[in-house]
Amino acid sequence: MNLLAFVMAASATILGAYLWWRVPAWESALVTVLTLFGVGAASVQMLGLPRPVESDVLASFEDVPVLGHDFKDGEAIYLWVRRNEPIAYRLPWDIATAERLHKAAQEAAENKTELQGRRAASGEWVFHPKPVEALPPKY
């Protein structure tokens, strides 16, 4: 993947050098910068690095299944959630959020249900075990 990102960046640089001679100076610089920015954004997507949660539209305020989580004390909280496909997110470190996530994960394990999470309207994260569905009525 690193090789692919390098090839894309080199292609963008060569394209910018070619356009430098063919297009007025300010336009070629703009095309080069925009191409390099696009290559950088695409390489993060291709490499599967966790996305910063602020950069995504995850704030739909609906419950999403949390497939896994990991804590890096003082740095970040990593979440793997399932929307249409599994996605990794990087939340800023917050001890209260980490404690809520850990407690909810323990409850979900005890109840043998999946862990769910959502972003509240206030911006903080809420985690809880999936509610147990009621049994169908007996006739």
C-alpha atoms as a PDB file:
ATOM      1  CA  MET A   1       0.000   0.000   0.000  1.00  0.00           C
ATOM      2  CA  ASN A   2       2.865   2.370   0.735  1.00  0.00           C
ATOM      3  CA  LEU A   3       4.191   1.683  -2.749  1.00  0.00           C
ATOM      4  CA  LEU A   4       0.814   2.524  -4.258  1.00  0.00           C
ATOM      5  CA  ALA A   5       0.642   5.783  -2.293  1.00  0.00           C
ATOM      6  CA  PHE A   6       4.183   6.626  -3.446  1.00  0.00           C
ATOM      7  CA  VAL A   7       3.291   5.949  -7.095  1.00  0.00           C
ATOM      8  CA  MET A   8       0.203   8.156  -6.818  1.00  0.00           C
ATOM      9  CA  ALA A   9       2.196  10.983  -5.202  1.00  0.00           C
ATOM     10  CA  ALA A  10       4.920  10.716  -7.851  1.00  0.00           C
ATOM     11  CA  SER A  11       2.300  10.794 -10.606  1.00  0.00           C
ATOM     12  CA  ALA A  12       0.757  13.912  -9.084  1.00  0.00           C
ATOM     13  CA  THR A  13       4.158  15.601  -8.941  1.00  0.00           C
ATOM     14  CA  ILE A  14       4.958  14.682 -12.551  1.00  0.00           C
ATOM     15  CA  LEU A  15       1.529  15.927 -13.644  1.00  0.00           C
ATOM     16  CA  GLY A  16       2.192  19.207 -11.847  1.00  0.00           C
ATOM     17  CA  ALA A  17       5.606  19.570 -13.519  1.00  0.00           C
ATOM     18  CA  TYR A  18       4.062  18.887 -16.938  1.00  0.00           C
ATOM     19  CA  LEU A  19       1.301  21.409 -16.357  1.00  0.00           C
ATOM     20  CA  TRP A  20       3.833  23.978 -15.149  1.00  0.00           C
ATOM     21  CA  TRP A  21       5.004  24.381 -18.737  1.00  0.00           C
ATOM     22  CA  ARG A  22       1.584  24.138 -20.408  1.00  0.00           C
ATOM     23  CA  VAL A  23      -0.662  26.197 -18.144  1.00  0.00           C
ATOM     24  CA  PRO A  24      -0.237  29.639 -16.565  1.00  0.00           C
ATOM     25  CA  ALA A  25       1.791  29.480 -13.354  1.00  0.00           C
ATOM     26  CA  TRP A  26      -0.965  30.066 -10.797  1.00  0.00           C
ATOM     27  CA  GLU A  27      -3.255  27.431 -12.312  1.00  0.00           C
ATOM     28  CA  SER A  28      -0.583  24.733 -12.438  1.00  0.00           C
ATOM     29  CA  ALA A  29       0.350  25.353  -8.801  1.00  0.00           C
ATOM     30  CA  LEU A  30      -3.317  25.114  -7.831  1.00  0.00           C
ATOM     31  CA  VAL A  31      -3.780  21.846  -9.765  1.00  0.00           C
ATOM     32  CA  THR A  32      -0.617  20.395  -8.196  1.00  0.00           C
ATOM     33  CA  VAL A  33      -1.670  21.291  -4.653  1.00  0.00           C
ATOM     34  CA  LEU A  34      -5.201  19.959  -5.154  1.00  0.00           C
ATOM     35  CA  THR A  35      -3.885  16.723  -6.680  1.00  0.00           C
ATOM     36  CA  LEU A  36      -1.428  16.173  -3.818  1.00  0.00           C
ATOM     37  CA  PHE A  37      -4.209  16.844  -1.297  1.00  0.00           C
ATOM     38  CA  GLY A  38      -6.430  14.297  -3.061  1.00  0.00           C
ATOM     39  CA  VAL A  39      -3.628  11.723  -3.079  1.00  0.00           C
ATOM     40  CA  GLY A  40      -3.082  12.241   0.649  1.00  0.00           C
ATOM     41  CA  ALA A  41      -6.768  11.839   1.450  1.00  0.00           C
ATOM     42  CA  ALA A  42      -7.055   8.768  -0.770  1.00  0.00           C
ATOM     43  CA  SER A  43      -3.998   7.131   0.773  1.00  0.00           C
ATOM     44  CA  VAL A  44      -5.492   7.412   4.282  1.00  0.00           C
ATOM     45  CA  GLN A  45      -8.650   5.716   2.990  1.00  0.00           C
ATOM     46  CA  MET A  46      -6.698   2.991   1.194  1.00  0.00           C
ATOM     47  CA  LEU A  47      -4.353   2.240   4.073  1.00  0.00           C
ATOM     48  CA  GLY A  48      -7.274   1.707   6.440  1.00  0.00           C
ATOM     49  CA  LEU A  49      -6.034   4.120   9.082  1.00  0.00           C
ATOM     50  CA  PRO A  50      -8.586   5.182  11.709  1.00  0.00           C
ATOM     51  CA  ARG A  51     -10.494   8.282  10.695  1.00  0.00           C
ATOM     52  CA  PRO A  52     -10.743  11.205  13.086  1.00  0.00           C
ATOM     53  CA  VAL A  53     -14.335  11.170  14.264  1.00  0.00           C
ATOM     54  CA  GLU A  54     -14.650  14.927  13.690  1.00  0.00           C
ATOM     55  CA  SER A  55     -14.046  14.495   9.960  1.00  0.00           C
ATOM     56  CA  ASP A  56     -16.880  12.046   9.396  1.00  0.00           C
ATOM     57  CA  VAL A  57     -20.620  12.329   9.359  1.00  0.00           C
ATOM     58  CA  LEU A  58     -21.006   9.757  12.101  1.00  0.00           C
ATOM     59  CA  ALA A  59     -23.007  12.283  14.080  1.00  0.00           C
ATOM     60  CA  SER A  60     -26.267  10.910  12.757  1.00  0.00           C
ATOM     61  CA  PHE A  61     -27.299  10.325  16.392  1.00  0.00           C
ATOM     62  CA  GLU A  62     -28.321   6.715  15.771  1.00  0.00           C
ATOM     63  CA  ASP A  63     -27.028   3.611  17.503  1.00  0.00           C
ATOM     64  CA  VAL A  64     -24.252   1.757  15.687  1.00  0.00           C
ATOM     65  CA  PRO A  65     -22.838  -1.641  16.671  1.00  0.00           C
ATOM     66  CA  VAL A  66     -19.362  -1.353  18.186  1.00  0.00           C
ATOM     67  CA  LEU A  67     -17.286  -4.270  16.903  1.00  0.00           C
ATOM     68  CA  GLY A  68     -14.266  -3.496  19.042  1.00  0.00           C
ATOM     69  CA  HIS A  69     -12.450  -0.812  20.963  1.00  0.00           C
ATOM     70  CA  ASP A  70      -8.978  -0.048  22.211  1.00  0.00           C
ATOM     71  CA  PHE A  71      -7.593   2.562  24.572  1.00  0.00           C
ATOM     72  CA  LYS A  72      -4.303   4.385  24.225  1.00  0.00           C
ATOM     73  CA  ASP A  73      -4.060   6.228  27.536  1.00  0.00           C
ATOM     74  CA  GLY A  74      -3.629   9.948  27.121  1.00  0.00           C
ATOM     75  CA  GLU A  75      -3.823   9.790  23.309  1.00  0.00           C
ATOM     76  CA  ALA A  76      -6.982   8.320  21.806  1.00  0.00           C
ATOM     77  CA  ILE A  77      -9.862   5.884  21.969  1.00  0.00           C
ATOM     78  CA  TYR A  78     -10.091   3.661  18.910  1.00  0.00           C
ATOM     79  CA  LEU A  79     -13.503   2.352  17.859  1.00  0.00           C
ATOM     80  CA  TRP A  80     -14.427  -0.146  15.173  1.00  0.00           C
ATOM     81  CA  VAL A  81     -18.080   0.260  14.247  1.00  0.00           C
ATOM     82  CA  ARG A  82     -20.309  -1.317  11.633  1.00  0.00           C
ATOM     83  CA  ARG A  83     -22.282   0.975   9.376  1.00  0.00           C
ATOM     84  CA  ASN A  84     -22.613  -0.543   5.901  1.00  0.00           C
ATOM     85  CA  GLU A  85     -19.069  -1.812   6.320  1.00  0.00           C
ATOM     86  CA  PRO A  86     -16.686  -1.845   9.289  1.00  0.00           C
ATOM     87  CA  ILE A  87     -15.021   1.521   9.867  1.00  0.00           C
ATOM     88  CA  ALA A  88     -12.275   2.487  12.324  1.00  0.00           C
ATOM     89  CA  TYR A  89     -12.535   5.805  14.155  1.00  0.00           C
ATOM     90  CA  ARG A  90     -10.169   7.692  16.422  1.00  0.00           C
ATOM     91  CA  LEU A  91     -11.843   9.598  19.267  1.00  0.00           C
ATOM     92  CA  PRO A  92      -9.898  12.148  21.279  1.00  0.00           C
ATOM     93  CA  TRP A  93      -8.845  10.833  24.683  1.00  0.00           C
ATOM     94  CA  ASP A  94     -11.334  11.496  27.454  1.00  0.00           C
ATOM     95  CA  ILE A  95     -11.231   9.512  30.684  1.00  0.00           C
ATOM     96  CA  ALA A  96     -15.001   9.804  31.236  1.00  0.00           C
ATOM     97  CA  THR A  97     -15.751   8.452  27.750  1.00  0.00           C
ATOM     98  CA  ALA A  98     -13.263   5.627  28.254  1.00  0.00           C
ATOM     99  CA  GLU A  99     -14.886   4.673  31.566  1.00  0.00           C
ATOM    100  CA  ARG A 100     -18.383   4.719  30.035  1.00  0.00           C
ATOM    101  CA  LEU A 101     -17.195   2.569  27.128  1.00  0.00           C
ATOM    102  CA  HIS A 102     -15.452   0.065  29.423  1.00  0.00           C
ATOM    103  CA  LYS A 103     -18.471  -0.229  31.731  1.00  0.00           C
ATOM    104  CA  ALA A 104     -20.900  -0.689  28.810  1.00  0.00           C
ATOM    105  CA  ALA A 105     -18.610  -3.319  27.241  1.00  0.00           C
ATOM    106  CA  GLN A 106     -18.590  -5.278  30.514  1.00  0.00           C
ATOM    107  CA  GLU A 107     -22.399  -5.095  30.744  1.00  0.00           C
ATOM    108  CA  ALA A 108     -22.734  -6.251  27.132  1.00  0.00           C
ATOM    109  CA  ALA A 109     -20.431  -9.205  27.835  1.00  0.00           C
ATOM    110  CA  GLU A 110     -22.411 -10.160  30.942  1.00  0.00           C
ATOM    111  CA  ASN A 111     -25.735  -9.952  29.036  1.00  0.00           C
ATOM    112  CA  LYS A 112     -24.234 -11.696  25.992  1.00  0.00           C
ATOM    113  CA  THR A 113     -25.428  -8.898  23.700  1.00  0.00           C
ATOM    114  CA  GLU A 114     -23.567  -6.586  21.386  1.00  0.00           C
ATOM    115  CA  LEU A 115     -22.238  -3.201  22.392  1.00  0.00           C
ATOM    116  CA  GLN A 116     -23.779  -0.146  20.746  1.00  0.00           C
ATOM    117  CA  GLY A 117     -22.762   3.478  20.714  1.00  0.00           C
ATOM    118  CA  ARG A 118     -23.932   6.807  19.422  1.00  0.00           C
ATOM    119  CA  ARG A 119     -22.988  10.423  19.538  1.00  0.00           C
ATOM    120  CA  ALA A 120     -25.405  12.440  21.648  1.00  0.00           C
ATOM    121  CA  ALA A 121     -26.665  15.858  20.591  1.00  0.00           C
ATOM    122  CA  SER A 122     -24.317  17.408  23.166  1.00  0.00           C
ATOM    123  CA  GLY A 123     -21.341  15.876  21.342  1.00  0.00           C
ATOM    124  CA  GLU A 124     -20.409  13.305  23.972  1.00  0.00           C
ATOM    125  CA  TRP A 125     -20.470   9.580  23.260  1.00  0.00           C
ATOM    126  CA  VAL A 126     -23.023   7.242  24.825  1.00  0.00           C
ATOM    127  CA  PHE A 127     -22.389   3.481  24.947  1.00  0.00           C
ATOM    128  CA  HIS A 128     -24.803   0.775  26.054  1.00  0.00           C
ATOM    129  CA  PRO A 129     -25.489  -2.926  25.542  1.00  0.00           C
ATOM    130  CA  LYS A 130     -28.092  -3.744  22.918  1.00  0.00           C
ATOM    131  CA  PRO A 131     -31.458  -4.167  24.642  1.00  0.00           C
ATOM    132  CA  VAL A 132     -32.600  -7.762  24.936  1.00  0.00           C
ATOM    133  CA  GLU A 133     -35.637  -8.363  22.751  1.00  0.00           C
ATOM    134  CA  ALA A 134     -38.773  -9.609  24.439  1.00  0.00           C
ATOM    135  CA  LEU A 135     -39.860 -13.168  23.757  1.00  0.00           C
ATOM    136  CA  PRO A 136     -42.845 -13.599  21.480  1.00  0.00           C
ATOM    137  CA  PRO A 137     -46.159 -14.111  23.259  1.00  0.00           C
ATOM    138  CA  LYS A 138     -47.303 -17.661  23.919  1.00  0.00           C
ATOM    139  CA  TYR A 139     -50.685 -18.716  22.602  1.00  0.00           C
END
